[in-house]
N, C-alpha and C. Protein backbone atom coordinates (compact mmCIF):
# COMPACT_ATOMS: atom_id res chain seq x y z
N MET A 1 44.73 -28.53 59.06
CA MET A 1 44.37 -27.18 58.64
C MET A 1 44.61 -26.99 57.15
N LYS A 2 45.78 -27.50 56.69
CA LYS A 2 46.11 -27.42 55.25
C LYS A 2 45.10 -28.19 54.41
N LYS A 3 44.70 -29.36 54.93
CA LYS A 3 43.72 -30.16 54.20
C LYS A 3 42.39 -29.44 54.07
N LEU A 4 41.99 -28.76 55.16
CA LEU A 4 40.73 -28.03 55.16
C LEU A 4 40.77 -26.87 54.16
N PHE A 5 41.89 -26.17 54.14
CA PHE A 5 42.08 -25.05 53.19
C PHE A 5 42.02 -25.53 51.73
N ALA A 6 42.68 -26.68 51.48
CA ALA A 6 42.70 -27.25 50.14
C ALA A 6 41.30 -27.65 49.69
N SER A 7 40.52 -28.19 50.61
CA SER A 7 39.15 -28.61 50.28
C SER A 7 38.28 -27.42 49.93
N LEU A 8 38.42 -26.33 50.70
CA LEU A 8 37.64 -25.12 50.43
C LEU A 8 38.02 -24.51 49.08
N LEU A 9 39.30 -24.55 48.76
CA LEU A 9 39.80 -24.01 47.49
C LEU A 9 39.22 -24.76 46.30
N ILE A 10 39.15 -26.09 46.40
CA ILE A 10 38.61 -26.93 45.31
C ILE A 10 37.12 -26.64 45.11
N LEU A 11 36.37 -26.49 46.21
CA LEU A 11 34.94 -26.21 46.12
C LEU A 11 34.69 -24.85 45.48
N GLY A 12 35.54 -23.88 45.78
CA GLY A 12 35.40 -22.54 45.20
C GLY A 12 35.62 -22.55 43.71
N VAL A 13 36.61 -23.30 43.24
CA VAL A 13 36.90 -23.39 41.80
C VAL A 13 35.73 -24.02 41.06
N ILE A 14 35.17 -25.09 41.62
CA ILE A 14 34.03 -25.79 40.99
C ILE A 14 32.83 -24.87 40.88
N ALA A 15 32.56 -24.08 41.95
CA ALA A 15 31.42 -23.15 41.94
C ALA A 15 31.59 -22.08 40.88
N CYS A 16 32.80 -21.57 40.71
CA CYS A 16 33.07 -20.53 39.70
C CYS A 16 32.83 -21.05 38.30
N LYS A 17 33.18 -22.32 38.07
CA LYS A 17 32.98 -22.91 36.75
C LYS A 17 31.52 -23.07 36.41
N LYS A 18 30.71 -23.44 37.41
CA LYS A 18 29.29 -23.71 37.17
C LYS A 18 28.51 -22.45 36.87
N ASN A 19 28.71 -21.39 37.60
CA ASN A 19 27.92 -20.18 37.44
C ASN A 19 28.10 -19.50 36.09
N PRO A 20 29.36 -19.27 35.62
CA PRO A 20 29.51 -18.68 34.29
C PRO A 20 28.90 -19.54 33.20
N GLU A 21 29.00 -20.88 33.35
CA GLU A 21 28.46 -21.78 32.32
C GLU A 21 26.95 -21.62 32.22
N LYS A 22 26.26 -21.49 33.31
CA LYS A 22 24.82 -21.35 33.32
C LYS A 22 24.43 -20.00 32.70
N PHE A 23 25.19 -18.96 32.99
CA PHE A 23 24.91 -17.63 32.48
C PHE A 23 25.04 -17.60 30.95
N ILE A 24 26.06 -18.25 30.42
CA ILE A 24 26.27 -18.31 28.96
C ILE A 24 25.13 -19.04 28.28
N ASN A 25 24.69 -20.13 28.87
CA ASN A 25 23.57 -20.88 28.30
C ASN A 25 22.30 -20.04 28.27
N ASP A 26 22.05 -19.30 29.33
CA ASP A 26 20.87 -18.44 29.37
C ASP A 26 20.94 -17.38 28.30
N LYS A 27 22.12 -16.80 28.12
CA LYS A 27 22.29 -15.75 27.13
C LYS A 27 22.09 -16.27 25.72
N THR A 28 22.61 -17.49 25.51
CA THR A 28 22.46 -18.11 24.19
C THR A 28 21.00 -18.39 23.88
N ASP A 29 20.28 -18.92 24.87
CA ASP A 29 18.87 -19.20 24.67
C ASP A 29 18.10 -17.92 24.37
N SER A 30 18.45 -16.85 25.10
CA SER A 30 17.77 -15.57 24.90
C SER A 30 18.03 -15.03 23.50
N THR A 31 19.27 -15.15 23.05
CA THR A 31 19.63 -14.67 21.71
C THR A 31 18.88 -15.43 20.64
N GLU A 32 18.80 -16.75 20.79
CA GLU A 32 18.11 -17.58 19.81
C GLU A 32 16.63 -17.21 19.74
N SER A 33 16.06 -16.92 20.91
CA SER A 33 14.64 -16.53 20.95
C SER A 33 14.41 -15.24 20.19
N VAL A 34 15.30 -14.28 20.37
CA VAL A 34 15.17 -13.00 19.67
C VAL A 34 15.30 -13.20 18.18
N LYS A 35 16.25 -14.04 17.77
CA LYS A 35 16.44 -14.30 16.34
C LYS A 35 15.20 -14.92 15.73
N MET A 36 14.60 -15.85 16.45
CA MET A 36 13.40 -16.51 15.93
C MET A 36 12.26 -15.51 15.76
N ASP A 37 12.10 -14.62 16.75
CA ASP A 37 11.03 -13.63 16.67
C ASP A 37 11.25 -12.68 15.51
N THR A 38 12.50 -12.25 15.32
CA THR A 38 12.83 -11.34 14.22
C THR A 38 12.55 -11.99 12.89
N THR A 39 12.89 -13.27 12.77
CA THR A 39 12.64 -14.00 11.52
C THR A 39 11.16 -14.04 11.20
N LYS A 40 10.34 -14.28 12.22
CA LYS A 40 8.90 -14.33 12.03
C LYS A 40 8.35 -13.01 11.53
N VAL A 41 8.82 -11.90 12.13
CA VAL A 41 8.37 -10.56 11.73
C VAL A 41 8.76 -10.28 10.29
N THR A 42 10.01 -10.63 9.93
CA THR A 42 10.49 -10.41 8.57
C THR A 42 9.65 -11.18 7.56
N GLN A 43 9.31 -12.42 7.87
CA GLN A 43 8.52 -13.25 6.97
C GLN A 43 7.15 -12.64 6.75
N VAL A 44 6.54 -12.08 7.80
CA VAL A 44 5.23 -11.46 7.67
C VAL A 44 5.30 -10.24 6.77
N GLU A 45 6.36 -9.40 6.95
CA GLU A 45 6.53 -8.20 6.16
C GLU A 45 6.74 -8.52 4.67
N VAL A 46 7.57 -9.52 4.42
CA VAL A 46 7.83 -9.91 3.03
C VAL A 46 6.56 -10.42 2.39
N SER A 47 5.80 -11.23 3.12
CA SER A 47 4.56 -11.78 2.61
C SER A 47 3.58 -10.67 2.25
N LYS A 48 3.50 -9.64 3.08
CA LYS A 48 2.59 -8.53 2.85
C LYS A 48 3.02 -7.73 1.61
N ASP A 49 4.30 -7.45 1.51
CA ASP A 49 4.81 -6.71 0.35
C ASP A 49 4.56 -7.47 -0.95
N GLU A 50 4.75 -8.77 -0.90
CA GLU A 50 4.53 -9.59 -2.09
C GLU A 50 3.06 -9.59 -2.49
N ALA A 51 2.18 -9.64 -1.49
CA ALA A 51 0.74 -9.62 -1.76
C ALA A 51 0.33 -8.30 -2.40
N LEU A 52 0.84 -7.19 -1.87
CA LEU A 52 0.53 -5.87 -2.42
C LEU A 52 1.09 -5.71 -3.83
N LYS A 53 2.30 -6.21 -4.02
CA LYS A 53 2.94 -6.12 -5.34
C LYS A 53 2.13 -6.87 -6.40
N GLN A 54 1.76 -8.09 -6.07
CA GLN A 54 1.00 -8.91 -7.02
C GLN A 54 -0.35 -8.29 -7.34
N LEU A 55 -1.04 -7.83 -6.31
CA LEU A 55 -2.36 -7.23 -6.49
C LEU A 55 -2.27 -5.95 -7.32
N ASN A 56 -1.27 -5.15 -7.04
CA ASN A 56 -1.07 -3.92 -7.80
C ASN A 56 -0.86 -4.21 -9.28
N GLU A 57 -0.03 -5.19 -9.56
CA GLU A 57 0.26 -5.56 -10.95
C GLU A 57 -0.99 -6.04 -11.67
N GLU A 58 -1.81 -6.82 -10.97
CA GLU A 58 -3.02 -7.36 -11.59
C GLU A 58 -4.04 -6.26 -11.89
N ILE A 59 -4.21 -5.33 -10.96
CA ILE A 59 -5.17 -4.24 -11.17
C ILE A 59 -4.70 -3.30 -12.26
N ILE A 60 -3.42 -2.96 -12.23
CA ILE A 60 -2.86 -2.08 -13.25
C ILE A 60 -2.97 -2.71 -14.63
N GLN A 61 -2.72 -4.00 -14.71
CA GLN A 61 -2.81 -4.70 -16.01
C GLN A 61 -4.25 -4.72 -16.51
N ALA A 62 -5.19 -4.90 -15.59
CA ALA A 62 -6.61 -4.90 -15.98
C ALA A 62 -7.01 -3.53 -16.54
N LEU A 63 -6.51 -2.47 -15.93
CA LEU A 63 -6.79 -1.12 -16.42
C LEU A 63 -6.14 -0.89 -17.78
N LYS A 64 -4.92 -1.35 -17.92
CA LYS A 64 -4.21 -1.19 -19.19
C LYS A 64 -4.92 -1.93 -20.32
N ASP A 65 -5.40 -3.13 -20.03
CA ASP A 65 -6.08 -3.95 -21.02
C ASP A 65 -7.55 -3.56 -21.21
N LYS A 66 -8.01 -2.62 -20.40
CA LYS A 66 -9.43 -2.21 -20.41
C LYS A 66 -10.34 -3.40 -20.12
N ASP A 67 -9.81 -4.27 -19.27
CA ASP A 67 -10.57 -5.45 -18.85
C ASP A 67 -11.31 -5.09 -17.56
N TYR A 68 -12.42 -4.39 -17.70
CA TYR A 68 -13.11 -3.87 -16.53
C TYR A 68 -13.92 -4.93 -15.78
N LYS A 69 -14.18 -6.03 -16.44
CA LYS A 69 -14.82 -7.15 -15.74
C LYS A 69 -13.82 -7.72 -14.74
N ARG A 70 -12.59 -7.85 -15.18
CA ARG A 70 -11.52 -8.32 -14.30
C ARG A 70 -11.29 -7.30 -13.18
N PHE A 71 -11.32 -6.02 -13.52
CA PHE A 71 -11.12 -4.95 -12.55
C PHE A 71 -12.18 -5.03 -11.45
N SER A 72 -13.41 -5.33 -11.83
CA SER A 72 -14.51 -5.38 -10.85
C SER A 72 -14.30 -6.47 -9.81
N ASP A 73 -13.52 -7.49 -10.14
CA ASP A 73 -13.28 -8.58 -9.19
C ASP A 73 -12.51 -8.11 -7.95
N PHE A 74 -11.81 -6.98 -8.08
CA PHE A 74 -10.99 -6.48 -6.97
C PHE A 74 -11.74 -5.51 -6.07
N ILE A 75 -12.92 -5.08 -6.48
CA ILE A 75 -13.68 -4.09 -5.71
C ILE A 75 -14.13 -4.66 -4.37
N HIS A 76 -13.99 -3.87 -3.33
CA HIS A 76 -14.37 -4.30 -1.98
C HIS A 76 -15.86 -4.64 -1.94
N PRO A 77 -16.20 -5.84 -1.50
CA PRO A 77 -17.61 -6.29 -1.52
C PRO A 77 -18.54 -5.52 -0.59
N GLU A 78 -18.00 -4.84 0.41
CA GLU A 78 -18.84 -4.09 1.34
C GLU A 78 -18.73 -2.58 1.16
N LYS A 79 -17.53 -2.08 0.93
CA LYS A 79 -17.31 -0.64 0.82
C LYS A 79 -17.36 -0.12 -0.60
N GLY A 80 -17.25 -1.01 -1.58
CA GLY A 80 -17.21 -0.57 -2.97
C GLY A 80 -15.88 0.09 -3.27
N VAL A 81 -15.83 0.90 -4.33
CA VAL A 81 -14.59 1.58 -4.70
C VAL A 81 -14.87 3.06 -4.95
N ARG A 82 -14.00 3.92 -4.42
CA ARG A 82 -14.14 5.37 -4.58
C ARG A 82 -13.09 5.86 -5.58
N PHE A 83 -13.49 6.83 -6.41
CA PHE A 83 -12.57 7.41 -7.39
C PHE A 83 -12.34 8.88 -7.05
N SER A 84 -11.06 9.24 -6.84
CA SER A 84 -10.70 10.63 -6.55
C SER A 84 -9.84 11.16 -7.69
N MET A 85 -10.25 12.29 -8.27
CA MET A 85 -9.54 12.84 -9.41
C MET A 85 -8.15 13.35 -9.05
N TYR A 86 -8.02 13.87 -7.82
CA TYR A 86 -6.74 14.42 -7.37
C TYR A 86 -6.37 13.84 -6.00
N ALA A 87 -5.25 14.29 -5.45
CA ALA A 87 -4.73 13.74 -4.19
C ALA A 87 -5.70 13.91 -3.03
N PHE A 88 -6.49 14.99 -3.07
CA PHE A 88 -7.43 15.23 -1.98
C PHE A 88 -8.66 14.34 -2.14
N VAL A 89 -8.84 13.44 -1.17
CA VAL A 89 -9.98 12.52 -1.20
C VAL A 89 -11.16 13.20 -0.50
N ASN A 90 -12.27 13.32 -1.23
CA ASN A 90 -13.47 13.96 -0.69
C ASN A 90 -14.62 12.95 -0.65
N PRO A 91 -14.82 12.30 0.49
CA PRO A 91 -15.86 11.27 0.60
C PRO A 91 -17.26 11.76 0.27
N LYS A 92 -17.50 13.05 0.44
CA LYS A 92 -18.84 13.58 0.19
C LYS A 92 -19.12 13.81 -1.30
N GLU A 93 -18.07 14.04 -2.08
CA GLU A 93 -18.27 14.37 -3.50
C GLU A 93 -17.70 13.35 -4.48
N ASP A 94 -16.66 12.61 -4.08
CA ASP A 94 -16.06 11.62 -4.98
C ASP A 94 -17.06 10.51 -5.30
N LYS A 95 -16.98 10.01 -6.53
CA LYS A 95 -17.87 8.92 -6.93
C LYS A 95 -17.47 7.62 -6.25
N ASN A 96 -18.48 6.93 -5.72
CA ASN A 96 -18.25 5.65 -5.08
C ASN A 96 -19.24 4.63 -5.67
N PHE A 97 -18.71 3.52 -6.14
CA PHE A 97 -19.55 2.48 -6.74
C PHE A 97 -19.44 1.18 -5.96
N SER A 98 -20.57 0.55 -5.73
CA SER A 98 -20.54 -0.81 -5.22
C SER A 98 -20.11 -1.69 -6.40
N LYS A 99 -19.75 -2.90 -6.12
CA LYS A 99 -19.33 -3.80 -7.20
C LYS A 99 -20.48 -4.01 -8.19
N SER A 100 -21.68 -4.20 -7.69
CA SER A 100 -22.83 -4.46 -8.56
C SER A 100 -23.15 -3.24 -9.43
N ASP A 101 -23.06 -2.04 -8.87
CA ASP A 101 -23.33 -0.82 -9.65
C ASP A 101 -22.26 -0.59 -10.70
N PHE A 102 -21.02 -0.89 -10.34
CA PHE A 102 -19.93 -0.74 -11.31
C PHE A 102 -20.17 -1.64 -12.51
N ILE A 103 -20.50 -2.90 -12.24
CA ILE A 103 -20.76 -3.86 -13.31
C ILE A 103 -21.98 -3.44 -14.14
N LYS A 104 -22.97 -2.86 -13.48
CA LYS A 104 -24.19 -2.45 -14.15
C LYS A 104 -23.97 -1.26 -15.09
N TYR A 105 -23.25 -0.25 -14.61
CA TYR A 105 -23.12 1.00 -15.37
C TYR A 105 -21.88 1.09 -16.26
N GLN A 106 -20.89 0.26 -16.00
CA GLN A 106 -19.64 0.36 -16.78
C GLN A 106 -19.87 0.24 -18.30
N PRO A 107 -20.70 -0.67 -18.79
CA PRO A 107 -20.87 -0.81 -20.24
C PRO A 107 -21.77 0.27 -20.86
N THR A 108 -22.45 1.04 -20.02
CA THR A 108 -23.45 1.98 -20.52
C THR A 108 -22.85 3.34 -20.88
N LYS A 109 -23.69 4.19 -21.45
CA LYS A 109 -23.28 5.55 -21.82
C LYS A 109 -23.69 6.57 -20.75
N THR A 110 -24.02 6.06 -19.58
CA THR A 110 -24.45 6.94 -18.49
C THR A 110 -23.30 7.86 -18.06
N LEU A 111 -23.60 9.17 -17.99
CA LEU A 111 -22.59 10.14 -17.58
C LEU A 111 -22.62 10.35 -16.07
N PHE A 112 -21.43 10.41 -15.48
CA PHE A 112 -21.29 10.67 -14.06
C PHE A 112 -20.39 11.89 -13.87
N THR A 113 -20.63 12.63 -12.80
CA THR A 113 -19.77 13.77 -12.47
C THR A 113 -18.70 13.27 -11.51
N TRP A 114 -17.44 13.36 -11.93
CA TRP A 114 -16.33 12.79 -11.17
C TRP A 114 -15.65 13.79 -10.25
N GLY A 115 -15.84 15.06 -10.56
CA GLY A 115 -15.18 16.08 -9.76
C GLY A 115 -15.07 17.38 -10.53
N THR A 116 -14.21 18.27 -10.04
CA THR A 116 -14.00 19.58 -10.67
C THR A 116 -12.60 19.66 -11.23
N LEU A 117 -12.49 20.09 -12.46
CA LEU A 117 -11.19 20.20 -13.11
C LEU A 117 -10.36 21.33 -12.50
N ASP A 118 -9.12 21.02 -12.19
CA ASP A 118 -8.22 22.02 -11.64
C ASP A 118 -7.97 23.12 -12.68
N GLY A 119 -7.97 24.33 -12.25
CA GLY A 119 -7.73 25.44 -13.17
C GLY A 119 -9.00 26.08 -13.67
N SER A 120 -9.79 25.32 -14.43
CA SER A 120 -11.02 25.86 -15.02
C SER A 120 -12.19 25.84 -14.04
N GLY A 121 -12.18 24.88 -13.14
CA GLY A 121 -13.29 24.77 -12.19
C GLY A 121 -14.51 24.10 -12.78
N GLU A 122 -14.40 23.61 -14.00
CA GLU A 122 -15.53 22.97 -14.66
C GLU A 122 -15.73 21.54 -14.13
N LEU A 123 -16.98 21.11 -14.13
CA LEU A 123 -17.29 19.76 -13.70
C LEU A 123 -16.80 18.77 -14.76
N TYR A 124 -16.20 17.70 -14.28
CA TYR A 124 -15.72 16.68 -15.21
C TYR A 124 -16.77 15.58 -15.29
N LYS A 125 -17.42 15.47 -16.45
CA LYS A 125 -18.46 14.46 -16.66
C LYS A 125 -18.01 13.46 -17.71
N ALA A 126 -18.22 12.19 -17.42
CA ALA A 126 -17.81 11.14 -18.36
C ALA A 126 -18.44 9.82 -17.97
N THR A 127 -18.45 8.89 -18.90
CA THR A 127 -18.91 7.53 -18.60
C THR A 127 -17.81 6.85 -17.78
N ILE A 128 -18.15 5.73 -17.17
CA ILE A 128 -17.14 4.99 -16.41
C ILE A 128 -15.99 4.58 -17.32
N ASP A 129 -16.34 4.10 -18.48
CA ASP A 129 -15.33 3.64 -19.44
C ASP A 129 -14.38 4.77 -19.82
N SER A 130 -14.95 5.93 -20.12
CA SER A 130 -14.15 7.08 -20.53
C SER A 130 -13.27 7.58 -19.38
N TYR A 131 -13.82 7.62 -18.20
CA TYR A 131 -13.06 8.09 -17.05
C TYR A 131 -11.85 7.18 -16.78
N LEU A 132 -12.08 5.88 -16.82
CA LEU A 132 -10.99 4.93 -16.56
C LEU A 132 -9.91 5.01 -17.65
N THR A 133 -10.36 5.20 -18.88
CA THR A 133 -9.42 5.22 -20.00
C THR A 133 -8.65 6.54 -20.11
N LYS A 134 -9.37 7.65 -20.01
CA LYS A 134 -8.75 8.95 -20.25
C LYS A 134 -8.20 9.65 -19.00
N TRP A 135 -8.76 9.30 -17.83
CA TRP A 135 -8.28 9.98 -16.62
C TRP A 135 -7.47 9.05 -15.72
N VAL A 136 -8.06 7.95 -15.32
CA VAL A 136 -7.37 7.04 -14.41
C VAL A 136 -6.10 6.49 -15.03
N TYR A 137 -6.21 5.93 -16.22
CA TYR A 137 -5.03 5.35 -16.88
C TYR A 137 -4.58 6.26 -18.02
N SER A 138 -4.32 7.52 -17.67
CA SER A 138 -3.94 8.51 -18.68
C SER A 138 -2.50 8.35 -19.15
N LYS A 139 -1.72 7.59 -18.40
CA LYS A 139 -0.34 7.25 -18.80
C LYS A 139 -0.14 5.76 -18.61
N ASP A 140 0.91 5.23 -19.20
CA ASP A 140 1.16 3.79 -19.09
C ASP A 140 1.80 3.48 -17.74
N PHE A 141 0.97 3.44 -16.72
CA PHE A 141 1.46 3.24 -15.36
C PHE A 141 2.11 1.87 -15.15
N ALA A 142 1.85 0.95 -16.06
CA ALA A 142 2.46 -0.38 -15.96
C ALA A 142 3.98 -0.30 -16.10
N THR A 143 4.46 0.81 -16.65
CA THR A 143 5.91 0.99 -16.84
C THR A 143 6.49 1.96 -15.80
N GLY A 144 5.65 2.39 -14.87
CA GLY A 144 6.09 3.39 -13.90
C GLY A 144 6.82 2.80 -12.70
N GLN A 145 7.25 3.70 -11.83
CA GLN A 145 7.90 3.31 -10.59
C GLN A 145 6.83 2.99 -9.56
N VAL A 146 7.04 1.94 -8.78
CA VAL A 146 6.02 1.50 -7.82
C VAL A 146 6.55 1.60 -6.39
N ALA A 147 5.70 2.11 -5.50
CA ALA A 147 6.05 2.19 -4.08
C ALA A 147 4.89 1.65 -3.25
N PHE A 148 5.21 1.17 -2.06
CA PHE A 148 4.19 0.62 -1.17
C PHE A 148 4.11 1.44 0.11
N ASN A 149 2.91 2.00 0.35
CA ASN A 149 2.68 2.83 1.54
C ASN A 149 3.67 4.00 1.61
N GLU A 150 4.00 4.53 0.45
CA GLU A 150 4.92 5.66 0.37
C GLU A 150 4.53 6.54 -0.81
N PHE A 151 4.60 7.85 -0.62
CA PHE A 151 4.24 8.78 -1.69
C PHE A 151 5.48 9.17 -2.50
N LEU A 152 5.36 9.02 -3.81
CA LEU A 152 6.44 9.41 -4.71
C LEU A 152 6.13 10.76 -5.37
N GLY A 153 4.90 10.90 -5.85
CA GLY A 153 4.48 12.15 -6.46
C GLY A 153 4.07 13.15 -5.39
N LYS A 154 4.71 14.29 -5.38
CA LYS A 154 4.41 15.31 -4.36
C LYS A 154 4.18 16.65 -5.04
N GLY A 155 2.91 17.02 -5.11
CA GLY A 155 2.56 18.28 -5.75
C GLY A 155 2.15 19.32 -4.74
N ASN A 156 1.34 20.27 -5.20
CA ASN A 156 0.92 21.37 -4.32
C ASN A 156 -0.52 21.22 -3.84
N SER A 157 -1.15 20.10 -4.12
CA SER A 157 -2.51 19.87 -3.63
C SER A 157 -2.46 19.07 -2.34
N LEU A 158 -3.46 19.24 -1.50
CA LEU A 158 -3.50 18.56 -0.20
C LEU A 158 -3.68 17.06 -0.40
N ASN A 159 -2.83 16.29 0.24
CA ASN A 159 -2.89 14.83 0.17
C ASN A 159 -3.38 14.31 1.53
N ASN A 160 -4.62 13.89 1.58
CA ASN A 160 -5.21 13.42 2.85
C ASN A 160 -5.52 11.93 2.85
N LEU A 161 -4.86 11.18 1.99
CA LEU A 161 -5.14 9.75 1.85
C LEU A 161 -5.03 9.01 3.19
N LYS A 162 -3.96 9.28 3.93
CA LYS A 162 -3.75 8.58 5.20
C LYS A 162 -4.74 9.00 6.27
N VAL A 163 -5.33 10.17 6.09
CA VAL A 163 -6.34 10.64 7.05
C VAL A 163 -7.66 9.91 6.81
N ILE A 164 -8.03 9.80 5.54
CA ILE A 164 -9.29 9.14 5.17
C ILE A 164 -9.19 7.62 5.33
N TYR A 165 -7.99 7.08 5.05
CA TYR A 165 -7.79 5.63 5.14
C TYR A 165 -6.62 5.32 6.08
N PRO A 166 -6.78 5.59 7.38
CA PRO A 166 -5.68 5.42 8.34
C PRO A 166 -5.19 3.98 8.52
N LYS A 167 -6.05 3.01 8.28
CA LYS A 167 -5.67 1.62 8.50
C LYS A 167 -5.45 0.84 7.20
N ALA A 168 -5.56 1.53 6.09
CA ALA A 168 -5.42 0.85 4.79
C ALA A 168 -3.98 0.85 4.31
N ASP A 169 -3.70 -0.04 3.38
CA ASP A 169 -2.41 -0.05 2.68
C ASP A 169 -2.66 0.55 1.30
N PHE A 170 -1.60 1.08 0.69
CA PHE A 170 -1.78 1.61 -0.66
C PHE A 170 -0.51 1.43 -1.48
N THR A 171 -0.70 1.40 -2.78
CA THR A 171 0.43 1.35 -3.70
C THR A 171 0.42 2.64 -4.51
N GLU A 172 1.57 3.04 -4.97
CA GLU A 172 1.63 4.21 -5.84
C GLU A 172 2.40 3.86 -7.10
N ASN A 173 1.78 4.14 -8.24
CA ASN A 173 2.41 3.94 -9.54
C ASN A 173 2.73 5.32 -10.09
N TYR A 174 4.00 5.61 -10.20
CA TYR A 174 4.47 6.97 -10.47
C TYR A 174 5.15 7.09 -11.83
N MET A 175 4.74 8.10 -12.58
CA MET A 175 5.37 8.40 -13.86
C MET A 175 6.08 9.75 -13.75
N LYS A 176 7.36 9.73 -13.88
CA LYS A 176 8.16 10.93 -13.75
C LYS A 176 7.86 11.92 -14.88
N GLY A 177 7.92 13.21 -14.57
CA GLY A 177 7.66 14.24 -15.57
C GLY A 177 8.82 14.39 -16.54
N SER A 178 8.58 15.10 -17.61
CA SER A 178 9.59 15.31 -18.64
C SER A 178 10.46 16.53 -18.34
N GLU A 179 11.68 16.52 -18.84
CA GLU A 179 12.58 17.65 -18.65
C GLU A 179 12.05 18.89 -19.37
N ALA A 180 11.39 18.68 -20.49
CA ALA A 180 10.84 19.80 -21.27
C ALA A 180 9.84 20.62 -20.46
N ASN A 181 9.17 19.95 -19.51
CA ASN A 181 8.18 20.62 -18.68
C ASN A 181 8.63 20.75 -17.23
N ALA A 182 9.95 20.76 -17.06
CA ALA A 182 10.56 20.89 -15.73
C ALA A 182 10.03 19.82 -14.77
N GLU A 183 9.68 18.66 -15.35
CA GLU A 183 9.19 17.50 -14.60
C GLU A 183 7.88 17.77 -13.84
N MET A 184 7.20 18.83 -14.22
CA MET A 184 5.94 19.16 -13.55
C MET A 184 4.75 18.39 -14.12
N ASP A 185 4.97 17.67 -15.21
CA ASP A 185 3.88 16.89 -15.82
C ASP A 185 3.89 15.43 -15.33
N TRP A 186 4.38 15.23 -14.11
CA TRP A 186 4.37 13.89 -13.52
C TRP A 186 2.92 13.49 -13.18
N LYS A 187 2.71 12.19 -13.06
CA LYS A 187 1.39 11.70 -12.66
C LYS A 187 1.54 10.46 -11.79
N SER A 188 0.60 10.29 -10.88
CA SER A 188 0.60 9.12 -9.99
C SER A 188 -0.79 8.49 -9.95
N LEU A 189 -0.78 7.19 -9.82
CA LEU A 189 -2.02 6.44 -9.67
C LEU A 189 -1.88 5.59 -8.42
N ARG A 190 -2.72 5.89 -7.41
CA ARG A 190 -2.64 5.19 -6.14
C ARG A 190 -3.84 4.25 -5.97
N LEU A 191 -3.54 3.06 -5.52
CA LEU A 191 -4.57 2.06 -5.27
C LEU A 191 -4.63 1.80 -3.77
N VAL A 192 -5.78 2.08 -3.16
CA VAL A 192 -5.94 1.91 -1.72
C VAL A 192 -6.60 0.56 -1.46
N LEU A 193 -5.98 -0.22 -0.57
CA LEU A 193 -6.41 -1.61 -0.36
C LEU A 193 -6.69 -1.90 1.11
N GLU A 194 -7.76 -2.61 1.34
CA GLU A 194 -8.11 -3.01 2.70
C GLU A 194 -8.42 -4.51 2.74
N LYS A 195 -8.14 -5.11 3.88
CA LYS A 195 -8.37 -6.55 4.03
C LYS A 195 -9.77 -6.85 4.54
N LEU A 196 -10.34 -7.91 4.02
CA LEU A 196 -11.62 -8.43 4.49
C LEU A 196 -11.52 -9.95 4.46
N ASN A 197 -11.69 -10.55 5.62
CA ASN A 197 -11.57 -12.01 5.74
C ASN A 197 -10.25 -12.53 5.18
N GLY A 198 -9.18 -11.79 5.47
CA GLY A 198 -7.84 -12.22 5.08
C GLY A 198 -7.45 -11.94 3.64
N LYS A 199 -8.31 -11.24 2.89
CA LYS A 199 -8.02 -10.96 1.49
C LYS A 199 -8.08 -9.45 1.22
N TYR A 200 -7.13 -8.96 0.41
CA TYR A 200 -7.10 -7.54 0.07
C TYR A 200 -8.11 -7.20 -1.02
N TYR A 201 -8.79 -6.06 -0.84
CA TYR A 201 -9.72 -5.56 -1.85
C TYR A 201 -9.44 -4.08 -2.11
N LEU A 202 -9.86 -3.63 -3.26
CA LEU A 202 -9.67 -2.23 -3.67
C LEU A 202 -10.80 -1.37 -3.13
N VAL A 203 -10.45 -0.33 -2.36
CA VAL A 203 -11.46 0.58 -1.82
C VAL A 203 -11.39 1.98 -2.43
N ALA A 204 -10.26 2.28 -3.08
CA ALA A 204 -10.15 3.61 -3.69
C ALA A 204 -9.10 3.65 -4.79
N VAL A 205 -9.38 4.47 -5.80
CA VAL A 205 -8.44 4.74 -6.89
C VAL A 205 -8.21 6.24 -6.88
N VAL A 206 -7.00 6.64 -6.54
CA VAL A 206 -6.69 8.06 -6.38
C VAL A 206 -5.63 8.50 -7.39
N ASN A 207 -5.99 9.46 -8.23
CA ASN A 207 -5.01 10.03 -9.17
C ASN A 207 -4.37 11.26 -8.53
N ASP A 208 -3.17 11.55 -8.94
CA ASP A 208 -2.49 12.75 -8.45
C ASP A 208 -1.60 13.31 -9.55
N GLN A 209 -1.48 14.63 -9.57
CA GLN A 209 -0.65 15.32 -10.54
C GLN A 209 -0.43 16.75 -10.06
N TRP A 210 0.43 17.47 -10.75
CA TRP A 210 0.67 18.85 -10.38
C TRP A 210 -0.58 19.69 -10.67
N THR A 211 -0.98 20.46 -9.67
CA THR A 211 -2.18 21.31 -9.85
C THR A 211 -1.79 22.79 -9.72
N ILE A 212 -2.67 23.63 -10.25
CA ILE A 212 -2.40 25.07 -10.23
C ILE A 212 -2.70 25.65 -8.84
């Protein structure tokens, strides 16, 4: 009887050792799997941020240098590029150029109506060159604060960028206002980007500032 009891006791101890060991191994494998998945997600996010950062820098530099031939290389080959004078994007009235039309008209003296000036209500007419120089790059945005898919400049005009471009990514180049003007003279330049065949292209250039 004692021998039988001793045998059962030994078998019970062995069984207890095996089960916890298997459970720990399963937990470890599960943890490693989660870590691997998290690493993959992080790598994708970093890669995307780096791509947006580089593209933003290149487009901003092209605008600063008035290198509009270089700028045209970033225009979306199918959708072209839309220019919005203020935060509110109006697809029906904002100027939209295909890449070929931009290249064709940029060197010319052809006047285009870009929108309505805040306050006066007057139509803003200018050549492509003048609009890019005096309105789009009205401040040295290359020295500004940059954000990705986040708004820094927040004024009193309706901002519908995410409504018009729900699946696009965008960068914001923000210039803080001066203390002399209670920081109300801030300005932002947003570049809206969409992917085509794995490559980002520019679909919109949106300016923003304090409006009346």
